[in-house]
Amino acid sequence: MWSKIRDSPLAQSVEQMTVNHWVAGSSPAGGAGFTQPSCLESTEKRLFPLFLGKNNSFFSNILSNVGRVSLLFFFFLVNFYCPSSFFLQAQTPLGMVMDFQVPEGTEQIVWIRGKLGEPTASLVFLLWTGEGWKKSKVEIPVWIGRNGLIHPDLKREGDGHTPAGVYPIERIFGKGKRSLKTFPYREIKKSYHWTDRIDSLNYNQLILYKERGATSLWNSPLYEIMLVVEYNTKPSVPGLGSMIFLHVWEEAAPTSGCVGMPKKDLESLISALDSRKNPHIVIEFTDGI
């Protein structure tokens, strides 16, 4: 697969990535650049020699059976509250920790990262090769919501935020006929609409007919080609945010909550997607906030 997309503008050259916590069983999962939480790493270094008695004969002699069981229980609690496998951790504006679990079998990731409160982010494409992860050396700058990223539980209609999280890539729409060999594509018709009206029974859903207050997909150049970010779609809860797309955006300005990028880059990205590789979008805060 990688050889097929190697010559695309997005992935003209790639580099091998070493990611220690992307594997659950034999299937790739997780997020690029995410390292094991330091609290667990340091605890493992301290507890394993102590519990097993390696090079710690003093402790090995004084610890009773009850003490060892207690120590094992403590280690279990540390692992329970600070998991190290296939979880993406990102700090949120409210100081909470988001645990983003990427499903097993994910072999393609569109990875978008942004800083707190900023309407710009970066996008890279990641591919599992069977031996490790490879990413495009090309890092695409993208525009996001005018108020930056937000925890998905705090997202609300019209707040100008882009919801962080992990979302499956399932639907691609566009105008005109296109041939995507490895991904289903749906051509936008003149009657296609999408609504952000909270009082609509079709809130945050594709509508195949005109509805009062709904947005026409046909009339907007933004939807020349677009990818649906499956936030609040299954089911759609009125008021929690709608119409989150990865769409064409040629302006040097924030969006209302979507991820916007130049058409040529979006087309290149979409041509690289393969539905058989269970692709996902990972949107998350950069480190250090």
C-alpha atoms as a PDB file:
ATOM      1  CA  MET A   1       0.000   0.000   0.000  1.00  0.00           C
ATOM      2  CA  TRP A   2       2.752   2.442   0.930  1.00  0.00           C
ATOM      3  CA  SER A   3       4.391   1.993  -2.444  1.00  0.00           C
ATOM      4  CA  LYS A   4       1.142   3.010  -4.097  1.00  0.00           C
ATOM      5  CA  ILE A   5       0.945   6.330  -2.283  1.00  0.00           C
ATOM      6  CA  ARG A   6       4.670   7.031  -2.018  1.00  0.00           C
ATOM      7  CA  ASP A   7       4.615   9.414  -4.968  1.00  0.00           C
ATOM      8  CA  SER A   8       1.661  11.467  -3.760  1.00  0.00           C
ATOM      9  CA  PRO A   9       2.408  15.090  -2.769  1.00  0.00           C
ATOM     10  CA  LEU A  10       1.586  14.297   0.830  1.00  0.00           C
ATOM     11  CA  ALA A  11       3.939  11.337   1.110  1.00  0.00           C
ATOM     12  CA  GLN A  12       6.803  11.855  -1.290  1.00  0.00           C
ATOM     13  CA  SER A  13       9.195  10.675   1.354  1.00  0.00           C
ATOM     14  CA  VAL A  14       8.753   8.853   4.613  1.00  0.00           C
ATOM     15  CA  GLU A  15      10.708   8.077   7.709  1.00  0.00           C
ATOM     16  CA  GLN A  16      10.575   5.166  10.084  1.00  0.00           C
ATOM     17  CA  MET A  17       8.985   5.881  13.453  1.00  0.00           C
ATOM     18  CA  THR A  18       9.700   4.041  16.648  1.00  0.00           C
ATOM     19  CA  VAL A  19       6.651   4.085  18.871  1.00  0.00           C
ATOM     20  CA  ASN A  20       6.746   1.934  21.970  1.00  0.00           C
ATOM     21  CA  HIS A  21       3.101   1.987  22.969  1.00  0.00           C
ATOM     22  CA  TRP A  22       1.245   1.534  19.729  1.00  0.00           C
ATOM     23  CA  VAL A  23       0.759  -2.217  19.861  1.00  0.00           C
ATOM     24  CA  ALA A  24      -2.099  -4.019  21.539  1.00  0.00           C
ATOM     25  CA  GLY A  25      -1.576  -7.731  21.042  1.00  0.00           C
ATOM     26  CA  SER A  26      -0.414  -8.135  17.464  1.00  0.00           C
ATOM     27  CA  SER A  27      -2.398  -5.204  16.100  1.00  0.00           C
ATOM     28  CA  PRO A  28      -1.195  -1.612  15.878  1.00  0.00           C
ATOM     29  CA  ALA A  29      -3.006   0.913  17.993  1.00  0.00           C
ATOM     30  CA  GLY A  30      -2.276   4.181  19.675  1.00  0.00           C
ATOM     31  CA  GLY A  31      -0.881   7.574  18.702  1.00  0.00           C
ATOM     32  CA  ALA A  32       2.384   8.921  17.382  1.00  0.00           C
ATOM     33  CA  GLY A  33       4.734  10.565  19.780  1.00  0.00           C
ATOM     34  CA  PHE A  34       2.826   9.460  22.859  1.00  0.00           C
ATOM     35  CA  THR A  35       5.088   8.030  25.510  1.00  0.00           C
ATOM     36  CA  GLN A  36       4.351   5.969  28.559  1.00  0.00           C
ATOM     37  CA  PRO A  37       3.122   8.104  31.475  1.00  0.00           C
ATOM     38  CA  SER A  38       6.099   8.957  33.639  1.00  0.00           C
ATOM     39  CA  CYS A  39       4.316   7.950  36.842  1.00  0.00           C
ATOM     40  CA  LEU A  40       4.057   4.345  35.633  1.00  0.00           C
ATOM     41  CA  GLU A  41       7.506   4.251  34.080  1.00  0.00           C
ATOM     42  CA  SER A  42       9.259   5.380  37.249  1.00  0.00           C
ATOM     43  CA  THR A  43       7.110   3.084  39.388  1.00  0.00           C
ATOM     44  CA  GLU A  44       8.025   0.082  37.250  1.00  0.00           C
ATOM     45  CA  LYS A  45      11.708   0.865  37.638  1.00  0.00           C
ATOM     46  CA  ARG A  46      11.332   1.029  41.404  1.00  0.00           C
ATOM     47  CA  LEU A  47       8.898  -1.791  42.054  1.00  0.00           C
ATOM     48  CA  PHE A  48       9.999  -4.587  39.746  1.00  0.00           C
ATOM     49  CA  PRO A  49      13.479  -5.046  41.282  1.00  0.00           C
ATOM     50  CA  LEU A  50      12.009  -4.660  44.754  1.00  0.00           C
ATOM     51  CA  PHE A  51       9.226  -7.168  44.266  1.00  0.00           C
ATOM     52  CA  LEU A  52      11.308  -9.738  42.455  1.00  0.00           C
ATOM     53  CA  GLY A  53      14.261  -9.379  44.804  1.00  0.00           C
ATOM     54  CA  LYS A  54      16.767  -8.659  42.025  1.00  0.00           C
ATOM     55  CA  ASN A  55      19.825  -6.990  43.495  1.00  0.00           C
ATOM     56  CA  ASN A  56      17.744  -6.118  46.532  1.00  0.00           C
ATOM     57  CA  SER A  57      18.565  -8.885  49.004  1.00  0.00           C
ATOM     58  CA  PHE A  58      17.965  -6.586  51.958  1.00  0.00           C
ATOM     59  CA  PHE A  59      14.382  -5.850  50.955  1.00  0.00           C
ATOM     60  CA  SER A  60      13.846  -9.405  49.810  1.00  0.00           C
ATOM     61  CA  ASN A  61      14.710 -10.661  53.292  1.00  0.00           C
ATOM     62  CA  ILE A  62      12.597  -8.213  55.293  1.00  0.00           C
ATOM     63  CA  LEU A  63       9.451  -8.182  53.196  1.00  0.00           C
ATOM     64  CA  SER A  64       6.886 -10.605  54.531  1.00  0.00           C
ATOM     65  CA  ASN A  65       4.445 -12.438  52.311  1.00  0.00           C
ATOM     66  CA  VAL A  66       1.785  -9.947  53.337  1.00  0.00           C
ATOM     67  CA  GLY A  67       4.062  -7.079  52.402  1.00  0.00           C
ATOM     68  CA  ARG A  68       4.724  -8.516  48.983  1.00  0.00           C
ATOM     69  CA  VAL A  69       1.021  -9.017  48.326  1.00  0.00           C
ATOM     70  CA  SER A  70       0.360  -5.436  49.397  1.00  0.00           C
ATOM     71  CA  LEU A  71       3.088  -4.216  47.087  1.00  0.00           C
ATOM     72  CA  LEU A  72       1.631  -6.185  44.195  1.00  0.00           C
ATOM     73  CA  PHE A  73      -1.801  -4.709  44.899  1.00  0.00           C
ATOM     74  CA  PHE A  74      -0.307  -1.204  44.907  1.00  0.00           C
ATOM     75  CA  PHE A  75       1.363  -1.876  41.580  1.00  0.00           C
ATOM     76  CA  PHE A  76      -1.980  -3.073  40.191  1.00  0.00           C
ATOM     77  CA  LEU A  77      -3.602   0.202  41.266  1.00  0.00           C
ATOM     78  CA  VAL A  78      -0.860   2.217  39.595  1.00  0.00           C
ATOM     79  CA  ASN A  79      -1.411   0.357  36.337  1.00  0.00           C
ATOM     80  CA  PHE A  80      -5.173   0.751  36.645  1.00  0.00           C
ATOM     81  CA  TYR A  81      -5.053   4.509  37.100  1.00  0.00           C
ATOM     82  CA  CYS A  82      -2.106   5.120  34.794  1.00  0.00           C
ATOM     83  CA  PRO A  83      -2.476   2.761  31.818  1.00  0.00           C
ATOM     84  CA  SER A  84       0.430   2.462  29.434  1.00  0.00           C
ATOM     85  CA  SER A  85      -0.998   0.509  26.505  1.00  0.00           C
ATOM     86  CA  PHE A  86      -2.873   1.899  23.499  1.00  0.00           C
ATOM     87  CA  PHE A  87      -4.002   5.085  25.244  1.00  0.00           C
ATOM     88  CA  LEU A  88      -3.277   8.561  23.980  1.00  0.00           C
ATOM     89  CA  GLN A  89      -3.011  11.100  26.769  1.00  0.00           C
ATOM     90  CA  ALA A  90      -3.418  14.807  26.266  1.00  0.00           C
ATOM     91  CA  GLN A  91      -3.880  17.591  28.782  1.00  0.00           C
ATOM     92  CA  THR A  92      -7.065  19.623  28.435  1.00  0.00           C
ATOM     93  CA  PRO A  93      -7.717  23.282  29.254  1.00  0.00           C
ATOM     94  CA  LEU A  94      -9.415  22.250  32.491  1.00  0.00           C
ATOM     95  CA  GLY A  95      -6.482  20.134  33.601  1.00  0.00           C
ATOM     96  CA  MET A  96      -8.221  16.847  32.875  1.00  0.00           C
ATOM     97  CA  VAL A  97      -6.517  13.942  31.149  1.00  0.00           C
ATOM     98  CA  MET A  98      -8.095  12.560  27.990  1.00  0.00           C
ATOM     99  CA  ASP A  99      -7.550   8.879  27.301  1.00  0.00           C
ATOM    100  CA  PHE A 100      -7.962   8.399  23.563  1.00  0.00           C
ATOM    101  CA  GLN A 101      -8.151   4.745  22.635  1.00  0.00           C
ATOM    102  CA  VAL A 102      -7.492   3.913  19.017  1.00  0.00           C
ATOM    103  CA  PRO A 103      -9.172   0.623  18.050  1.00  0.00           C
ATOM    104  CA  GLU A 104      -7.069  -2.438  17.397  1.00  0.00           C
ATOM    105  CA  GLY A 105      -6.423  -2.989  13.726  1.00  0.00           C
ATOM    106  CA  THR A 106      -5.994   0.701  12.950  1.00  0.00           C
ATOM    107  CA  GLU A 107      -3.335   0.925  10.255  1.00  0.00           C
ATOM    108  CA  GLN A 108      -3.791   4.495   9.037  1.00  0.00           C
ATOM    109  CA  ILE A 109      -4.017   7.649  11.128  1.00  0.00           C
ATOM    110  CA  VAL A 110      -4.612  11.245  10.134  1.00  0.00           C
ATOM    111  CA  TRP A 111      -2.900  12.923  13.053  1.00  0.00           C
ATOM    112  CA  ILE A 112      -3.852  16.530  13.824  1.00  0.00           C
ATOM    113  CA  ARG A 113      -2.255  18.423  16.692  1.00  0.00           C
ATOM    114  CA  GLY A 114      -2.898  21.946  17.913  1.00  0.00           C
ATOM    115  CA  LYS A 115      -1.910  24.179  20.801  1.00  0.00           C
ATOM    116  CA  LEU A 116      -4.329  25.377  23.444  1.00  0.00           C
ATOM    117  CA  GLY A 117      -6.439  28.302  22.273  1.00  0.00           C
ATOM    118  CA  GLU A 118      -4.832  28.551  18.831  1.00  0.00           C
ATOM    119  CA  PRO A 119      -6.794  28.234  15.564  1.00  0.00           C
ATOM    120  CA  THR A 120      -3.964  26.553  13.683  1.00  0.00           C
ATOM    121  CA  ALA A 121      -2.728  22.966  13.808  1.00  0.00           C
ATOM    122  CA  SER A 122      -0.518  20.532  11.917  1.00  0.00           C
ATOM    123  CA  LEU A 123      -1.464  17.347  10.072  1.00  0.00           C
ATOM    124  CA  VAL A 124       0.630  14.300   9.242  1.00  0.00           C
ATOM    125  CA  PHE A 125      -0.334  10.957   7.748  1.00  0.00           C
ATOM    126  CA  LEU A 126       0.734   7.753   9.515  1.00  0.00           C
ATOM    127  CA  LEU A 127       0.809   4.270   8.046  1.00  0.00           C
ATOM    128  CA  TRP A 128       1.407   0.891   9.703  1.00  0.00           C
ATOM    129  CA  THR A 129       3.655  -1.241   7.480  1.00  0.00           C
ATOM    130  CA  GLY A 130       3.685  -4.459   9.499  1.00  0.00           C
ATOM    131  CA  GLU A 131       7.142  -3.686  10.848  1.00  0.00           C
ATOM    132  CA  GLY A 132       6.504  -0.255  12.288  1.00  0.00           C
ATOM    133  CA  TRP A 133       4.886   3.097  11.673  1.00  0.00           C
ATOM    134  CA  LYS A 134       5.868   5.392   8.866  1.00  0.00           C
ATOM    135  CA  LYS A 135       4.813   8.986   8.562  1.00  0.00           C
ATOM    136  CA  SER A 136       4.896  11.504   5.773  1.00  0.00           C
ATOM    137  CA  LYS A 137       7.727  13.962   6.137  1.00  0.00           C
ATOM    138  CA  VAL A 138       5.380  16.583   4.778  1.00  0.00           C
ATOM    139  CA  GLU A 139       3.605  18.278   7.677  1.00  0.00           C
ATOM    140  CA  ILE A 140       0.581  20.187   6.463  1.00  0.00           C
ATOM    141  CA  PRO A 141      -0.537  23.336   8.317  1.00  0.00           C
ATOM    142  CA  VAL A 142      -4.314  23.389   8.761  1.00  0.00           C
ATOM    143  CA  TRP A 143      -6.868  25.793  10.176  1.00  0.00           C
ATOM    144  CA  ILE A 144      -9.249  24.698  12.932  1.00  0.00           C
ATOM    145  CA  GLY A 145     -12.000  26.403  14.934  1.00  0.00           C
ATOM    146  CA  ARG A 146     -11.482  30.055  15.861  1.00  0.00           C
ATOM    147  CA  ASN A 147     -11.285  29.114  19.547  1.00  0.00           C
ATOM    148  CA  GLY A 148      -8.991  26.137  19.063  1.00  0.00           C
ATOM    149  CA  LEU A 149      -9.422  22.588  20.334  1.00  0.00           C
ATOM    150  CA  ILE A 150     -11.691  21.445  23.133  1.00  0.00           C
ATOM    151  CA  HIS A 151     -12.418  18.240  25.009  1.00  0.00           C
ATOM    152  CA  PRO A 152     -15.224  16.453  23.128  1.00  0.00           C
ATOM    153  CA  ASP A 153     -17.386  16.327  26.277  1.00  0.00           C
ATOM    154  CA  LEU A 154     -17.328  20.138  26.426  1.00  0.00           C
ATOM    155  CA  LYS A 155     -18.060  20.822  22.769  1.00  0.00           C
ATOM    156  CA  ARG A 156     -21.269  22.775  22.100  1.00  0.00           C
ATOM    157  CA  GLU A 157     -23.039  24.059  19.016  1.00  0.00           C
ATOM    158  CA  GLY A 158     -21.647  27.361  17.771  1.00  0.00           C
ATOM    159  CA  ASP A 159     -18.785  27.618  20.285  1.00  0.00           C
ATOM    160  CA  GLY A 160     -16.093  27.901  17.610  1.00  0.00           C
ATOM    161  CA  HIS A 161     -14.129  24.923  18.926  1.00  0.00           C
ATOM    162  CA  THR A 162     -12.857  21.835  17.137  1.00  0.00           C
ATOM    163  CA  PRO A 163     -13.478  18.675  19.194  1.00  0.00           C
ATOM    164  CA  ALA A 164     -10.396  16.657  20.110  1.00  0.00           C
ATOM    165  CA  GLY A 165     -10.681  12.872  20.060  1.00  0.00           C
ATOM    166  CA  VAL A 166     -10.381   9.771  17.904  1.00  0.00           C
ATOM    167  CA  TYR A 167     -12.871   9.328  15.079  1.00  0.00           C
ATOM    168  CA  PRO A 168     -13.217   6.653  12.387  1.00  0.00           C
ATOM    169  CA  ILE A 169     -12.920   7.745   8.781  1.00  0.00           C
ATOM    170  CA  GLU A 170     -15.986   6.329   7.093  1.00  0.00           C
ATOM    171  CA  ARG A 171     -17.485   8.892   4.701  1.00  0.00           C
ATOM    172  CA  ILE A 172     -16.014  10.962   1.897  1.00  0.00           C
ATOM    173  CA  PHE A 173     -18.172  13.310  -0.168  1.00  0.00           C
ATOM    174  CA  GLY A 174     -17.421  15.474  -3.161  1.00  0.00           C
ATOM    175  CA  LYS A 175     -18.757  17.155  -6.249  1.00  0.00           C
ATOM    176  CA  GLY A 176     -18.468  15.347  -9.522  1.00  0.00           C
ATOM    177  CA  LYS A 177     -17.489  11.790 -10.214  1.00  0.00           C
ATOM    178  CA  ARG A 178     -14.259  10.559  -8.680  1.00  0.00           C
ATOM    179  CA  SER A 179     -12.500   7.250  -8.727  1.00  0.00           C
ATOM    180  CA  LEU A 180     -11.196   6.328  -5.287  1.00  0.00           C
ATOM    181  CA  LYS A 181      -9.866   2.796  -5.626  1.00  0.00           C
ATOM    182  CA  THR A 182      -9.621   2.036  -1.916  1.00  0.00           C
ATOM    183  CA  PHE A 183     -12.357   4.113  -0.294  1.00  0.00           C
ATOM    184  CA  PRO A 184     -16.108   4.541  -0.793  1.00  0.00           C
ATOM    185  CA  TYR A 185     -17.006   7.911  -2.300  1.00  0.00           C
ATOM    186  CA  ARG A 186     -20.386   9.609  -2.470  1.00  0.00           C
ATOM    187  CA  GLU A 187     -21.098  12.265  -5.042  1.00  0.00           C
ATOM    188  CA  ILE A 188     -22.883  15.348  -3.712  1.00  0.00           C
ATOM    189  CA  LYS A 189     -26.187  16.041  -5.413  1.00  0.00           C
ATOM    190  CA  LYS A 190     -27.932  19.417  -5.696  1.00  0.00           C
ATOM    191  CA  SER A 191     -30.484  18.357  -3.096  1.00  0.00           C
ATOM    192  CA  TYR A 192     -27.920  17.354  -0.436  1.00  0.00           C
ATOM    193  CA  HIS A 193     -28.018  19.368   2.786  1.00  0.00           C
ATOM    194  CA  TRP A 194     -26.634  19.157   6.330  1.00  0.00           C
ATOM    195  CA  THR A 195     -28.210  20.901   9.289  1.00  0.00           C
ATOM    196  CA  ASP A 196     -26.931  22.466  12.484  1.00  0.00           C
ATOM    197  CA  ARG A 197     -30.369  23.520  13.688  1.00  0.00           C
ATOM    198  CA  ILE A 198     -30.880  22.159  17.179  1.00  0.00           C
ATOM    199  CA  ASP A 199     -34.643  21.903  16.684  1.00  0.00           C
ATOM    200  CA  SER A 200     -34.303  19.707  13.586  1.00  0.00           C
ATOM    201  CA  LEU A 201     -35.004  15.987  13.715  1.00  0.00           C
ATOM    202  CA  ASN A 202     -32.105  15.653  11.265  1.00  0.00           C
ATOM    203  CA  TYR A 203     -29.586  17.503  13.432  1.00  0.00           C
ATOM    204  CA  ASN A 204     -26.009  16.836  12.306  1.00  0.00           C
ATOM    205  CA  GLN A 205     -27.110  14.408   9.621  1.00  0.00           C
ATOM    206  CA  LEU A 206     -26.931  14.318   5.860  1.00  0.00           C
ATOM    207  CA  ILE A 207     -30.304  15.288   4.396  1.00  0.00           C
ATOM    208  CA  LEU A 208     -31.173  14.263   0.867  1.00  0.00           C
ATOM    209  CA  TYR A 209     -33.687  17.081   0.416  1.00  0.00           C
ATOM    210  CA  LYS A 210     -33.955  20.785   1.185  1.00  0.00           C
ATOM    211  CA  GLU A 211     -34.888  21.620   4.760  1.00  0.00           C
ATOM    212  CA  ARG A 212     -35.496  25.020   6.337  1.00  0.00           C
ATOM    213  CA  GLY A 213     -32.264  26.363   7.797  1.00  0.00           C
ATOM    214  CA  ALA A 214     -30.106  23.504   6.519  1.00  0.00           C
ATOM    215  CA  THR A 215     -26.798  24.132   4.738  1.00  0.00           C
ATOM    216  CA  SER A 216     -26.561  23.210   1.080  1.00  0.00           C
ATOM    217  CA  LEU A 217     -23.508  21.069   0.367  1.00  0.00           C
ATOM    218  CA  TRP A 218     -23.886  21.743  -3.334  1.00  0.00           C
ATOM    219  CA  ASN A 219     -23.727  25.545  -3.157  1.00  0.00           C
ATOM    220  CA  SER A 220     -20.557  25.836  -1.065  1.00  0.00           C
ATOM    221  CA  PRO A 221     -17.042  25.564  -2.535  1.00  0.00           C
ATOM    222  CA  LEU A 222     -15.872  24.213   0.835  1.00  0.00           C
ATOM    223  CA  TYR A 223     -17.429  20.866   0.040  1.00  0.00           C
ATOM    224  CA  GLU A 224     -15.787  20.321  -3.334  1.00  0.00           C
ATOM    225  CA  ILE A 225     -14.217  17.396  -1.519  1.00  0.00           C
ATOM    226  CA  MET A 226     -14.744  16.645   2.164  1.00  0.00           C
ATOM    227  CA  LEU A 227     -14.246  14.010   4.807  1.00  0.00           C
ATOM    228  CA  VAL A 228     -16.701  13.630   7.668  1.00  0.00           C
ATOM    229  CA  VAL A 229     -15.260  13.767  11.182  1.00  0.00           C
ATOM    230  CA  GLU A 230     -17.645  11.365  12.919  1.00  0.00           C
ATOM    231  CA  TYR A 231     -18.154  13.554  15.978  1.00  0.00           C
ATOM    232  CA  ASN A 232     -21.671  13.451  17.461  1.00  0.00           C
ATOM    233  CA  THR A 233     -23.060  11.481  14.533  1.00  0.00           C
ATOM    234  CA  LYS A 234     -23.922   8.073  16.049  1.00  0.00           C
ATOM    235  CA  PRO A 235     -26.195   9.153  17.580  1.00  0.00           C
ATOM    236  CA  SER A 236     -26.385  12.886  17.038  1.00  0.00           C
ATOM    237  CA  VAL A 237     -27.362  14.752  20.205  1.00  0.00           C
ATOM    238  CA  PRO A 238     -28.863  18.205  19.560  1.00  0.00           C
ATOM    239  CA  GLY A 239     -26.699  21.009  20.866  1.00  0.00           C
ATOM    240  CA  LEU A 240     -23.436  19.113  21.242  1.00  0.00           C
ATOM    241  CA  GLY A 241     -21.992  20.320  17.951  1.00  0.00           C
ATOM    242  CA  SER A 242     -22.447  19.508  14.299  1.00  0.00           C
ATOM    243  CA  MET A 243     -21.003  19.634  10.797  1.00  0.00           C
ATOM    244  CA  ILE A 244     -17.409  18.837  11.762  1.00  0.00           C
ATOM    245  CA  PHE A 245     -15.668  18.120   8.475  1.00  0.00           C
ATOM    246  CA  LEU A 246     -12.200  18.048   7.030  1.00  0.00           C
ATOM    247  CA  HIS A 247     -12.853  20.247   4.008  1.00  0.00           C
ATOM    248  CA  VAL A 248     -11.347  22.581   1.448  1.00  0.00           C
ATOM    249  CA  TRP A 249     -10.127  25.850   2.958  1.00  0.00           C
ATOM    250  CA  GLU A 250      -8.051  28.317   0.990  1.00  0.00           C
ATOM    251  CA  GLU A 251      -8.407  31.243   3.397  1.00  0.00           C
ATOM    252  CA  ALA A 252      -5.810  32.383   5.932  1.00  0.00           C
ATOM    253  CA  ALA A 253      -8.383  32.459   8.709  1.00  0.00           C
ATOM    254  CA  PRO A 254      -9.944  30.121  11.299  1.00  0.00           C
ATOM    255  CA  THR A 255     -12.969  27.956  10.607  1.00  0.00           C
ATOM    256  CA  SER A 256     -16.108  27.669  12.722  1.00  0.00           C
ATOM    257  CA  GLY A 257     -14.967  24.275  14.036  1.00  0.00           C
ATOM    258  CA  CYS A 258     -13.988  22.191  11.016  1.00  0.00           C
ATOM    259  CA  VAL A 259     -10.469  21.317   9.913  1.00  0.00           C
ATOM    260  CA  GLY A 260      -9.642  23.277   6.767  1.00  0.00           C
ATOM    261  CA  MET A 261      -6.791  22.705   4.331  1.00  0.00           C
ATOM    262  CA  PRO A 262      -5.868  23.463   0.695  1.00  0.00           C
ATOM    263  CA  LYS A 263      -7.709  21.412  -1.881  1.00  0.00           C
ATOM    264  CA  LYS A 264      -4.572  19.872  -3.380  1.00  0.00           C
ATOM    265  CA  ASP A 265      -3.427  18.615   0.020  1.00  0.00           C
ATOM    266  CA  LEU A 266      -6.863  17.273   0.900  1.00  0.00           C
ATOM    267  CA  GLU A 267      -7.133  15.399  -2.387  1.00  0.00           C
ATOM    268  CA  SER A 268      -3.687  13.911  -1.838  1.00  0.00           C
ATOM    269  CA  LEU A 269      -4.634  12.794   1.662  1.00  0.00           C
ATOM    270  CA  ILE A 270      -7.894  11.244   0.555  1.00  0.00           C
ATOM    271  CA  SER A 271      -6.189   9.361  -2.259  1.00  0.00           C
ATOM    272  CA  ALA A 272      -3.935   7.729   0.346  1.00  0.00           C
ATOM    273  CA  LEU A 273      -6.780   6.444   2.521  1.00  0.00           C
ATOM    274  CA  ASP A 274      -7.695   2.773   2.410  1.00  0.00           C
ATOM    275  CA  SER A 275     -10.933   1.638   4.047  1.00  0.00           C
ATOM    276  CA  ARG A 276      -9.435  -1.847   4.563  1.00  0.00           C
ATOM    277  CA  LYS A 277      -6.862  -0.357   6.931  1.00  0.00           C
ATOM    278  CA  ASN A 278      -9.445   0.985   9.397  1.00  0.00           C
ATOM    279  CA  PRO A 279      -8.306   4.625   9.131  1.00  0.00           C
ATOM    280  CA  HIS A 280      -8.922   7.065  11.991  1.00  0.00           C
ATOM    281  CA  ILE A 281      -8.521  10.756  12.676  1.00  0.00           C
ATOM    282  CA  VAL A 282      -6.719  11.617  15.900  1.00  0.00           C
ATOM    283  CA  ILE A 283      -7.183  15.244  16.974  1.00  0.00           C
ATOM    284  CA  GLU A 284      -5.292  16.186  20.103  1.00  0.00           C
ATOM    285  CA  PHE A 285      -3.517  18.885  22.037  1.00  0.00           C
ATOM    286  CA  THR A 286       0.224  19.239  21.661  1.00  0.00           C
ATOM    287  CA  ASP A 287       2.378  18.625  24.726  1.00  0.00           C
ATOM    288  CA  GLY A 288       3.233  21.292  27.209  1.00  0.00           C
ATOM    289  CA  ILE A 289      -0.089  22.911  28.028  1.00  0.00           C
END
